[in-house]
C-alpha atoms as a PDB file:
ATOM      1  CA  MET A   1       0.430  31.405 -22.084  1.00  0.00           C
ATOM      2  CA  ASN A   2      -2.638  30.921 -19.911  1.00  0.00           C
ATOM      3  CA  SER A   3      -1.670  32.166 -16.442  1.00  0.00           C
ATOM      4  CA  THR A   4      -4.287  29.909 -14.888  1.00  0.00           C
ATOM      5  CA  SER A   5      -2.753  26.732 -16.308  1.00  0.00           C
ATOM      6  CA  PRO A   6      -1.922  24.247 -13.528  1.00  0.00           C
ATOM      7  CA  LYS A   7       1.694  24.108 -12.522  1.00  0.00           C
ATOM      8  CA  ARG A   8       3.467  21.041 -13.842  1.00  0.00           C
ATOM      9  CA  THR A   9       4.989  18.773 -11.221  1.00  0.00           C
ATOM     10  CA  PRO A  10       8.760  18.664 -11.787  1.00  0.00           C
ATOM     11  CA  ASP A  11      10.041  15.349 -13.091  1.00  0.00           C
ATOM     12  CA  SER A  12      12.681  15.411 -10.362  1.00  0.00           C
ATOM     13  CA  GLU A  13       9.942  14.998  -7.748  1.00  0.00           C
ATOM     14  CA  LEU A  14       8.447  11.870  -9.307  1.00  0.00           C
ATOM     15  CA  ASN A  15      11.068  10.210 -11.511  1.00  0.00           C
ATOM     16  CA  LEU A  16      12.551   7.936  -8.879  1.00  0.00           C
ATOM     17  CA  ALA A  17      14.605   5.945 -11.349  1.00  0.00           C
ATOM     18  CA  ALA A  18      16.480   9.097 -12.304  1.00  0.00           C
ATOM     19  CA  ARG A  19      16.832  10.217  -8.679  1.00  0.00           C
ATOM     20  CA  HIS A  20      18.225   6.850  -7.605  1.00  0.00           C
ATOM     21  CA  PRO A  21      20.533   5.446 -10.288  1.00  0.00           C
ATOM     22  CA  ASP A  22      21.414   2.710  -7.784  1.00  0.00           C
ATOM     23  CA  ARG A  23      17.787   1.710  -7.301  1.00  0.00           C
ATOM     24  CA  GLN A  24      18.427  -1.785  -8.633  1.00  0.00           C
ATOM     25  CA  THR A  25      20.343  -2.470  -5.429  1.00  0.00           C
ATOM     26  CA  PHE A  26      17.165  -1.886  -3.422  1.00  0.00           C
ATOM     27  CA  LEU A  27      14.996  -3.815  -5.877  1.00  0.00           C
ATOM     28  CA  ASN A  28      17.383  -6.757  -5.704  1.00  0.00           C
ATOM     29  CA  ILE A  29      16.816  -6.876  -1.950  1.00  0.00           C
ATOM     30  CA  ASN A  30      13.076  -7.112  -2.610  1.00  0.00           C
ATOM     31  CA  GLU A  31      13.580 -10.044  -4.958  1.00  0.00           C
ATOM     32  CA  THR A  32      16.126 -11.938  -2.861  1.00  0.00           C
ATOM     33  CA  GLU A  33      14.245 -11.568   0.402  1.00  0.00           C
ATOM     34  CA  SER A  34      10.892 -12.360  -1.196  1.00  0.00           C
ATOM     35  CA  GLU A  35      12.209 -15.569  -2.725  1.00  0.00           C
ATOM     36  CA  ARG A  36      13.700 -16.568   0.625  1.00  0.00           C
ATOM     37  CA  VAL A  37      10.410 -15.974   2.432  1.00  0.00           C
ATOM     38  CA  ARG A  38       8.450 -17.988  -0.142  1.00  0.00           C
ATOM     39  CA  ASN A  39      10.913 -20.848   0.271  1.00  0.00           C
ATOM     40  CA  CYS A  40      10.969 -20.737   4.064  1.00  0.00           C
ATOM     41  CA  HIS A  41       7.293 -20.239   4.890  1.00  0.00           C
ATOM     42  CA  LYS A  42       4.085 -21.983   4.000  1.00  0.00           C
ATOM     43  CA  CYS A  43       2.325 -20.058   1.273  1.00  0.00           C
ATOM     44  CA  PHE A  44      -0.417 -20.301  -1.293  1.00  0.00           C
ATOM     45  CA  LEU A  45       0.717 -18.596  -4.487  1.00  0.00           C
ATOM     46  CA  GLU A  46      -1.324 -17.175  -7.365  1.00  0.00           C
ATOM     47  CA  VAL A  47      -4.649 -17.543  -5.575  1.00  0.00           C
ATOM     48  CA  ALA A  48      -7.286 -16.210  -7.993  1.00  0.00           C
ATOM     49  CA  TYR A  49      -9.917 -13.684  -6.924  1.00  0.00           C
ATOM     50  CA  GLY A  50     -10.908 -12.926 -10.554  1.00  0.00           C
ATOM     51  CA  GLU A  51     -10.438 -14.210 -14.076  1.00  0.00           C
ATOM     52  CA  ASP A  52      -7.612 -11.912 -15.215  1.00  0.00           C
ATOM     53  CA  PRO A  53      -4.036 -13.210 -14.684  1.00  0.00           C
ATOM     54  CA  LEU A  54      -3.317 -10.137 -12.513  1.00  0.00           C
ATOM     55  CA  GLN A  55      -6.308 -10.753 -10.259  1.00  0.00           C
ATOM     56  CA  ARG A  56      -4.195 -12.918  -7.999  1.00  0.00           C
ATOM     57  CA  MET A  57      -2.783 -12.875  -4.480  1.00  0.00           C
ATOM     58  CA  ASP A  58      -0.117 -14.716  -2.523  1.00  0.00           C
ATOM     59  CA  ILE A  59      -1.266 -15.793   0.943  1.00  0.00           C
ATOM     60  CA  PHE A  60       0.993 -16.604   3.883  1.00  0.00           C
ATOM     61  CA  PRO A  61      -1.196 -18.212   6.555  1.00  0.00           C
ATOM     62  CA  SER A  62      -0.693 -17.795  10.256  1.00  0.00           C
ATOM     63  CA  PRO A  63       0.005 -21.071  12.051  1.00  0.00           C
ATOM     64  CA  VAL A  64      -2.878 -20.251  14.428  1.00  0.00           C
ATOM     65  CA  VAL A  65      -6.574 -20.353  13.543  1.00  0.00           C
ATOM     66  CA  ASN A  66      -8.699 -17.212  13.637  1.00  0.00           C
ATOM     67  CA  SER A  67      -5.681 -14.930  13.254  1.00  0.00           C
ATOM     68  CA  PRO A  68      -5.932 -11.317  12.070  1.00  0.00           C
ATOM     69  CA  ILE A  69      -5.059 -10.575   8.464  1.00  0.00           C
ATOM     70  CA  LEU A  70      -2.741  -8.036   6.863  1.00  0.00           C
ATOM     71  CA  VAL A  71      -3.317  -7.081   3.226  1.00  0.00           C
ATOM     72  CA  PHE A  72      -0.333  -5.500   1.466  1.00  0.00           C
ATOM     73  CA  ILE A  73      -0.738  -3.514  -1.774  1.00  0.00           C
ATOM     74  CA  HIS A  74       2.316  -2.815  -3.932  1.00  0.00           C
ATOM     75  CA  GLY A  75       3.087   0.495  -5.614  1.00  0.00           C
ATOM     76  CA  GLY A  76       4.417   1.310  -9.077  1.00  0.00           C
ATOM     77  CA  TYR A  77       2.396   4.421  -9.988  1.00  0.00           C
ATOM     78  CA  TRP A  78      -0.668   2.203 -10.645  1.00  0.00           C
ATOM     79  CA  ARG A  79       0.973   0.970 -13.848  1.00  0.00           C
ATOM     80  CA  SER A  80       3.816  -1.415 -12.906  1.00  0.00           C
ATOM     81  CA  LEU A  81       5.453  -3.764 -10.369  1.00  0.00           C
ATOM     82  CA  ASP A  82       4.180  -7.057  -9.001  1.00  0.00           C
ATOM     83  CA  LYS A  83       3.287  -8.772  -5.743  1.00  0.00           C
ATOM     84  CA  LYS A  84       6.078 -11.347  -6.107  1.00  0.00           C
ATOM     85  CA  SER A  85       8.595  -8.624  -5.157  1.00  0.00           C
ATOM     86  CA  TYR A  86       6.904  -8.071  -1.789  1.00  0.00           C
ATOM     87  CA  SER A  87       6.597 -11.522  -0.247  1.00  0.00           C
ATOM     88  CA  PHE A  88       9.212 -10.367   2.260  1.00  0.00           C
ATOM     89  CA  VAL A  89       6.495  -8.336   4.021  1.00  0.00           C
ATOM     90  CA  ALA A  90       4.906 -11.555   5.302  1.00  0.00           C
ATOM     91  CA  GLU A  91       7.673 -12.925   7.514  1.00  0.00           C
ATOM     92  CA  ALA A  92       7.540 -10.548  10.476  1.00  0.00           C
ATOM     93  CA  PHE A  93       3.755 -10.849  10.699  1.00  0.00           C
ATOM     94  CA  VAL A  94       3.398 -14.611  10.252  1.00  0.00           C
ATOM     95  CA  ALA A  95       5.914 -14.954  13.105  1.00  0.00           C
ATOM     96  CA  LYS A  96       3.390 -13.079  15.292  1.00  0.00           C
ATOM     97  CA  ASN A  97       0.415 -15.173  14.130  1.00  0.00           C
ATOM     98  CA  VAL A  98      -0.940 -12.818  11.474  1.00  0.00           C
ATOM     99  CA  THR A  99      -2.053 -14.131   8.071  1.00  0.00           C
ATOM    100  CA  VAL A 100      -0.694 -12.008   5.204  1.00  0.00           C
ATOM    101  CA  ALA A 101      -2.159 -11.518   1.720  1.00  0.00           C
ATOM    102  CA  VAL A 102       0.048  -9.753  -0.849  1.00  0.00           C
ATOM    103  CA  ILE A 103      -2.150  -8.755  -3.778  1.00  0.00           C
ATOM    104  CA  ASN A 104      -1.879  -7.946  -7.447  1.00  0.00           C
ATOM    105  CA  TYR A 105      -4.361  -5.890  -9.414  1.00  0.00           C
ATOM    106  CA  ARG A 106      -4.884  -4.978 -13.063  1.00  0.00           C
ATOM    107  CA  LEU A 107      -2.739  -2.049 -14.112  1.00  0.00           C
ATOM    108  CA  ILE A 108      -3.401   1.203 -15.933  1.00  0.00           C
ATOM    109  CA  PRO A 109      -3.807   1.553 -18.954  1.00  0.00           C
ATOM    110  CA  THR A 110      -5.317  -1.935 -19.219  1.00  0.00           C
ATOM    111  CA  VAL A 111      -7.997  -0.691 -16.812  1.00  0.00           C
ATOM    112  CA  ASP A 112      -8.893   2.715 -15.431  1.00  0.00           C
ATOM    113  CA  MET A 113      -8.540   3.802 -11.806  1.00  0.00           C
ATOM    114  CA  LEU A 114     -12.107   2.814 -10.933  1.00  0.00           C
ATOM    115  CA  ARG A 115     -11.615  -0.765 -12.094  1.00  0.00           C
ATOM    116  CA  LEU A 116      -8.203  -0.917 -10.448  1.00  0.00           C
ATOM    117  CA  LEU A 117      -9.780   0.063  -7.128  1.00  0.00           C
ATOM    118  CA  GLN A 118     -12.523  -2.476  -7.740  1.00  0.00           C
ATOM    119  CA  ASP A 119      -9.807  -5.134  -7.994  1.00  0.00           C
ATOM    120  CA  VAL A 120      -8.408  -4.140  -4.614  1.00  0.00           C
ATOM    121  CA  LYS A 121     -11.902  -4.244  -3.106  1.00  0.00           C
ATOM    122  CA  ASP A 122     -12.536  -7.647  -4.676  1.00  0.00           C
ATOM    123  CA  SER A 123      -9.256  -8.999  -3.325  1.00  0.00           C
ATOM    124  CA  VAL A 124     -10.086  -7.886   0.226  1.00  0.00           C
ATOM    125  CA  GLU A 125     -13.586  -9.327  -0.013  1.00  0.00           C
ATOM    126  CA  PHE A 126     -12.124 -12.597  -1.315  1.00  0.00           C
ATOM    127  CA  ILE A 127      -9.762 -12.976   1.624  1.00  0.00           C
ATOM    128  CA  GLN A 128     -12.647 -12.135   3.960  1.00  0.00           C
ATOM    129  CA  LYS A 129     -14.855 -14.788   2.379  1.00  0.00           C
ATOM    130  CA  HIS A 130     -12.124 -17.431   2.454  1.00  0.00           C
ATOM    131  CA  ALA A 131     -10.354 -16.305   5.621  1.00  0.00           C
ATOM    132  CA  THR A 132     -10.853 -19.537   7.518  1.00  0.00           C
ATOM    133  CA  ASP A 133      -9.085 -21.469   4.730  1.00  0.00           C
ATOM    134  CA  TYR A 134      -5.933 -19.557   5.661  1.00  0.00           C
ATOM    135  CA  ASN A 135      -6.386 -19.422   9.460  1.00  0.00           C
ATOM    136  CA  GLY A 136      -7.659 -15.866   9.152  1.00  0.00           C
ATOM    137  CA  ASN A 137     -10.306 -13.824  10.932  1.00  0.00           C
ATOM    138  CA  PRO A 138     -12.573 -12.063   8.399  1.00  0.00           C
ATOM    139  CA  SER A 139     -13.410  -9.342  10.923  1.00  0.00           C
ATOM    140  CA  GLN A 140      -9.806  -8.268  11.523  1.00  0.00           C
ATOM    141  CA  ILE A 141      -8.152  -7.051   8.315  1.00  0.00           C
ATOM    142  CA  ALA A 142      -5.536  -4.295   8.221  1.00  0.00           C
ATOM    143  CA  LEU A 143      -4.849  -2.512   4.918  1.00  0.00           C
ATOM    144  CA  SER A 144      -1.291  -1.492   4.066  1.00  0.00           C
ATOM    145  CA  GLY A 145       0.474  -0.297   0.951  1.00  0.00           C
ATOM    146  CA  HIS A 146       3.529   1.478  -0.407  1.00  0.00           C
ATOM    147  CA  SER A 147       3.517   4.531  -2.701  1.00  0.00           C
ATOM    148  CA  ALA A 148       0.543   4.080  -5.069  1.00  0.00           C
ATOM    149  CA  GLY A 149      -0.378   1.173  -2.809  1.00  0.00           C
ATOM    150  CA  GLY A 150      -0.599   3.589   0.110  1.00  0.00           C
ATOM    151  CA  HIS A 151      -3.158   5.562  -1.873  1.00  0.00           C
ATOM    152  CA  LEU A 152      -5.073   2.381  -2.730  1.00  0.00           C
ATOM    153  CA  ALA A 153      -5.188   1.243   0.896  1.00  0.00           C
ATOM    154  CA  LEU A 154      -6.760   4.488   2.102  1.00  0.00           C
ATOM    155  CA  MET A 155      -9.106   4.856  -0.873  1.00  0.00           C
ATOM    156  CA  THR A 156     -10.313   1.251  -0.566  1.00  0.00           C
ATOM    157  CA  TYR A 157     -11.346   1.983   3.006  1.00  0.00           C
ATOM    158  CA  LEU A 158     -13.008   5.304   2.107  1.00  0.00           C
ATOM    159  CA  MET A 159     -14.929   3.894  -0.867  1.00  0.00           C
ATOM    160  CA  ASN A 160     -16.317   0.819   0.888  1.00  0.00           C
ATOM    161  CA  PRO A 161     -18.267   1.659   4.068  1.00  0.00           C
ATOM    162  CA  SER A 162     -19.454  -1.940   4.477  1.00  0.00           C
ATOM    163  CA  MET A 163     -15.828  -3.043   4.792  1.00  0.00           C
ATOM    164  CA  GLN A 164     -14.869  -0.458   7.390  1.00  0.00           C
ATOM    165  CA  PRO A 165     -16.038  -2.271  10.562  1.00  0.00           C
ATOM    166  CA  SER A 166     -13.650  -5.125   9.719  1.00  0.00           C
ATOM    167  CA  VAL A 167     -10.609  -2.849   9.298  1.00  0.00           C
ATOM    168  CA  PRO A 168      -8.860  -1.926  12.574  1.00  0.00           C
ATOM    169  CA  ALA A 169      -5.862  -0.252  10.936  1.00  0.00           C
ATOM    170  CA  ILE A 170      -4.436   1.341   7.809  1.00  0.00           C
ATOM    171  CA  CYS A 171      -0.717   1.812   7.201  1.00  0.00           C
ATOM    172  CA  SER A 172       0.294   3.978   4.240  1.00  0.00           C
ATOM    173  CA  LEU A 173       3.990   4.139   3.342  1.00  0.00           C
ATOM    174  CA  SER A 174       5.064   6.997   1.075  1.00  0.00           C
ATOM    175  CA  GLY A 175       1.500   7.403  -0.130  1.00  0.00           C
ATOM    176  CA  ILE A 176       0.162   9.623  -2.907  1.00  0.00           C
ATOM    177  CA  PHE A 177      -3.083  11.307  -1.940  1.00  0.00           C
ATOM    178  CA  ASP A 178      -3.607  14.231  -4.364  1.00  0.00           C
ATOM    179  CA  LEU A 179      -3.803  12.903  -7.916  1.00  0.00           C
ATOM    180  CA  ASN A 180      -3.804  16.399  -9.395  1.00  0.00           C
ATOM    181  CA  ALA A 181      -0.020  16.535  -9.030  1.00  0.00           C
ATOM    182  CA  ILE A 182       0.216  13.221 -10.884  1.00  0.00           C
ATOM    183  CA  ARG A 183      -2.158  14.341 -13.631  1.00  0.00           C
ATOM    184  CA  HIS A 184       0.035  17.366 -14.332  1.00  0.00           C
ATOM    185  CA  SER A 185       3.275  15.419 -14.626  1.00  0.00           C
ATOM    186  CA  TYR A 186       5.205  13.276 -17.057  1.00  0.00           C
ATOM    187  CA  LEU A 187       3.344  10.246 -15.686  1.00  0.00           C
ATOM    188  CA  SER A 188       0.117  11.364 -17.380  1.00  0.00           C
ATOM    189  CA  ASP A 189       1.869  12.124 -20.645  1.00  0.00           C
ATOM    190  CA  ASP A 190       1.787   8.438 -21.512  1.00  0.00           C
ATOM    191  CA  THR A 191       0.111   5.584 -19.675  1.00  0.00           C
ATOM    192  CA  LEU A 192      -1.792   7.150 -16.786  1.00  0.00           C
ATOM    193  CA  GLN A 193      -3.732   9.894 -18.569  1.00  0.00           C
ATOM    194  CA  LEU A 194      -5.769  10.798 -15.499  1.00  0.00           C
ATOM    195  CA  SER A 195      -8.819  12.954 -16.174  1.00  0.00           C
ATOM    196  CA  PRO A 196     -10.133  15.807 -14.007  1.00  0.00           C
ATOM    197  CA  ASP A 197     -12.919  13.428 -12.947  1.00  0.00           C
ATOM    198  CA  ASP A 198     -10.326  10.848 -11.862  1.00  0.00           C
ATOM    199  CA  VAL A 199      -8.594  13.481  -9.755  1.00  0.00           C
ATOM    200  CA  GLY A 200     -11.836  14.548  -8.110  1.00  0.00           C
ATOM    201  CA  GLN A 201     -13.153  11.051  -7.525  1.00  0.00           C
ATOM    202  CA  PHE A 202     -10.011   9.205  -6.484  1.00  0.00           C
ATOM    203  CA  SER A 203      -7.880  11.721  -4.584  1.00  0.00           C
ATOM    204  CA  ALA A 204      -7.972  10.855  -0.891  1.00  0.00           C
ATOM    205  CA  SER A 205      -7.248  14.523  -0.199  1.00  0.00           C
ATOM    206  CA  ASN A 206     -10.705  15.369  -1.615  1.00  0.00           C
ATOM    207  CA  LYS A 207     -12.559  12.995   0.681  1.00  0.00           C
ATOM    208  CA  ASP A 208     -14.125  13.452   4.072  1.00  0.00           C
ATOM    209  CA  LEU A 209     -11.363  11.933   6.170  1.00  0.00           C
ATOM    210  CA  ALA A 210     -13.604  12.021   9.232  1.00  0.00           C
ATOM    211  CA  ALA A 211     -15.029   8.822   7.741  1.00  0.00           C
ATOM    212  CA  VAL A 212     -11.778   7.049   8.689  1.00  0.00           C
ATOM    213  CA  LYS A 213     -12.620   5.585  12.086  1.00  0.00           C
ATOM    214  CA  CYS A 214      -9.751   3.106  12.343  1.00  0.00           C
ATOM    215  CA  SER A 215      -6.187   3.715  13.537  1.00  0.00           C
ATOM    216  CA  THR A 216      -4.135   5.102  10.645  1.00  0.00           C
ATOM    217  CA  LEU A 217      -0.385   5.477  10.311  1.00  0.00           C
ATOM    218  CA  ILE A 218       1.073   7.731   7.625  1.00  0.00           C
ATOM    219  CA  ALA A 219       4.793   6.965   7.209  1.00  0.00           C
ATOM    220  CA  VAL A 220       7.365   8.483   4.865  1.00  0.00           C
ATOM    221  CA  GLY A 221      11.117   8.569   4.485  1.00  0.00           C
ATOM    222  CA  GLY A 222      12.988  11.791   5.259  1.00  0.00           C
ATOM    223  CA  GLY A 223      15.241  11.054   2.305  1.00  0.00           C
ATOM    224  CA  GLU A 224      12.366  11.020  -0.191  1.00  0.00           C
ATOM    225  CA  THR A 225      11.546  13.848  -2.564  1.00  0.00           C
ATOM    226  CA  THR A 226       9.691  16.888  -1.263  1.00  0.00           C
ATOM    227  CA  PHE A 227       6.576  15.688  -3.099  1.00  0.00           C
ATOM    228  CA  PHE A 228       6.309  12.448  -1.137  1.00  0.00           C
ATOM    229  CA  VAL A 229       7.130  14.027   2.202  1.00  0.00           C
ATOM    230  CA  GLU A 230       4.579  16.805   1.687  1.00  0.00           C
ATOM    231  CA  GLU A 231       1.887  14.373   0.532  1.00  0.00           C
ATOM    232  CA  SER A 232       2.168  12.507   3.825  1.00  0.00           C
ATOM    233  CA  LYS A 233       2.380  15.653   5.942  1.00  0.00           C
ATOM    234  CA  LYS A 234      -0.699  17.200   4.304  1.00  0.00           C
ATOM    235  CA  ILE A 235      -2.934  14.143   4.665  1.00  0.00           C
ATOM    236  CA  ALA A 236      -1.861  13.657   8.285  1.00  0.00           C
ATOM    237  CA  LYS A 237      -2.556  17.312   9.067  1.00  0.00           C
ATOM    238  CA  ALA A 238      -5.971  17.080   7.433  1.00  0.00           C
ATOM    239  CA  ARG A 239      -6.988  14.324   9.855  1.00  0.00           C
ATOM    240  CA  PRO A 240      -5.348  15.007  13.248  1.00  0.00           C
ATOM    241  CA  SER A 241      -6.176  11.504  14.499  1.00  0.00           C
ATOM    242  CA  PHE A 242      -3.809  10.085  11.864  1.00  0.00           C
ATOM    243  CA  ARG A 243      -0.412   9.213  13.261  1.00  0.00           C
ATOM    244  CA  TYR A 244       2.485  10.633  11.224  1.00  0.00           C
ATOM    245  CA  HIS A 245       6.019   9.271  11.284  1.00  0.00           C
ATOM    246  CA  GLU A 246       9.006  10.345   9.217  1.00  0.00           C
ATOM    247  CA  TYR A 247      11.981   8.011   9.066  1.00  0.00           C
ATOM    248  CA  ASP A 248      15.233   9.966   9.004  1.00  0.00           C
ATOM    249  CA  ASN A 249      17.199   9.672   5.765  1.00  0.00           C
ATOM    250  CA  LEU A 250      15.350   6.680   4.291  1.00  0.00           C
ATOM    251  CA  ASN A 251      14.522   6.962   0.592  1.00  0.00           C
ATOM    252  CA  HIS A 252      11.464   5.720  -1.308  1.00  0.00           C
ATOM    253  CA  TYR A 253      12.924   2.284  -1.907  1.00  0.00           C
ATOM    254  CA  GLN A 254      14.301   1.751   1.577  1.00  0.00           C
ATOM    255  CA  ILE A 255      11.215   2.529   3.652  1.00  0.00           C
ATOM    256  CA  VAL A 256       9.259  -0.521   2.486  1.00  0.00           C
ATOM    257  CA  HIS A 257      12.095  -2.758   3.656  1.00  0.00           C
ATOM    258  CA  LEU A 258      11.092  -1.888   7.214  1.00  0.00           C
ATOM    259  CA  LEU A 259       8.101  -4.212   6.831  1.00  0.00           C
ATOM    260  CA  GLY A 260      10.492  -7.127   6.383  1.00  0.00           C
ATOM    261  CA  ALA A 261      11.851  -9.164   9.269  1.00  0.00           C
ATOM    262  CA  PHE A 262      15.372  -8.595   7.896  1.00  0.00           C
ATOM    263  CA  GLN A 263      15.162  -4.864   8.675  1.00  0.00           C
ATOM    264  CA  GLN A 264      14.810  -3.272  12.104  1.00  0.00           C
ATOM    265  CA  ASP A 265      11.614  -1.236  12.517  1.00  0.00           C
ATOM    266  CA  ASP A 266      10.328   0.427  15.653  1.00  0.00           C
ATOM    267  CA  VAL A 267       7.136   2.004  14.303  1.00  0.00           C
ATOM    268  CA  MET A 268       5.177   0.343  11.473  1.00  0.00           C
ATOM    269  CA  ILE A 269       5.361  -3.317  12.471  1.00  0.00           C
ATOM    270  CA  PRO A 270       4.616  -2.585  16.162  1.00  0.00           C
ATOM    271  CA  PHE A 271       1.751  -0.274  15.127  1.00  0.00           C
ATOM    272  CA  LEU A 272       0.124  -2.932  12.944  1.00  0.00           C
ATOM    273  CA  LEU A 273       0.656  -5.740  15.440  1.00  0.00           C
ATOM    274  CA  GLU A 274      -0.800  -3.679  18.261  1.00  0.00           C
ATOM    275  CA  LYS A 275      -3.915  -2.829  16.243  1.00  0.00           C
ATOM    276  CA  LEU A 276      -4.344  -6.391  14.947  1.00  0.00           C
ATOM    277  CA  LEU A 277      -3.485  -8.306  18.100  1.00  0.00           C
ATOM    278  CA  GLY A 278      -4.757  -5.838  20.672  1.00  0.00           C
ATOM    279  CA  SER A 279      -1.523  -5.570  22.586  1.00  0.00           C
ATOM    280  CA  LYS A 280       1.915  -4.086  22.064  1.00  0.00           C
ATOM    281  CA  GLU A 281       4.280  -6.392  20.201  1.00  0.00           C
ATOM    282  CA  SER A 282       7.879  -6.026  19.054  1.00  0.00           C
END
């Protein structure tokens, strides 16, 4: 055996379905609450920013013109899940006069990581271009995401300097920032198949984080696996201006619920509202 071979990431650190046999309970909350929010709030569904069926977003406009915008990016290890399960994120923000765009993007292996990130960039540029159609302000766009979406939010900012002046805040929930651990795991045995170049090019941990000039919150659940907790701790330590918050006992599926109005949150929603609205909100 080659002693220099990279250590394989244990399945127990990444296989969340196995770790949480009751995960469907949490996913059902996503679906039920998202359907309720779509039924109770004005929304524009399946808005196209590209030709592919996955190049779509759901937009929940603020009732007030020239409102800031929150973009939410779902997770799923870059290969699964869908925006329709995350409409619930919109309610708490629309109530505070923030327009919300929940995006989809093409998934690996249909596209590679570069094209996936291009989709996220294109979606943000679309909502900027058409912001006034949805009562939005194109110069005030916060990027947020969960799990793989947390990675995509930070990387989208880092890879697009022209976008950065319009982004006052980033909020990454349970993000993944070092793709090397993903490459050397069961996830790359099948669909992901990340290359060494992918790891080097698209790991936020490899980037100059001094380029992040906006307010950034790195949040994680204390009940998540060591991998997810350490990913957040390491990226926050690498850029001392990043704010780090660990929610006691919450697991990977529960933490995203804190962005919904149905769940009490004293950190992420106030952080985003303060950065978007310029004053403390609750």
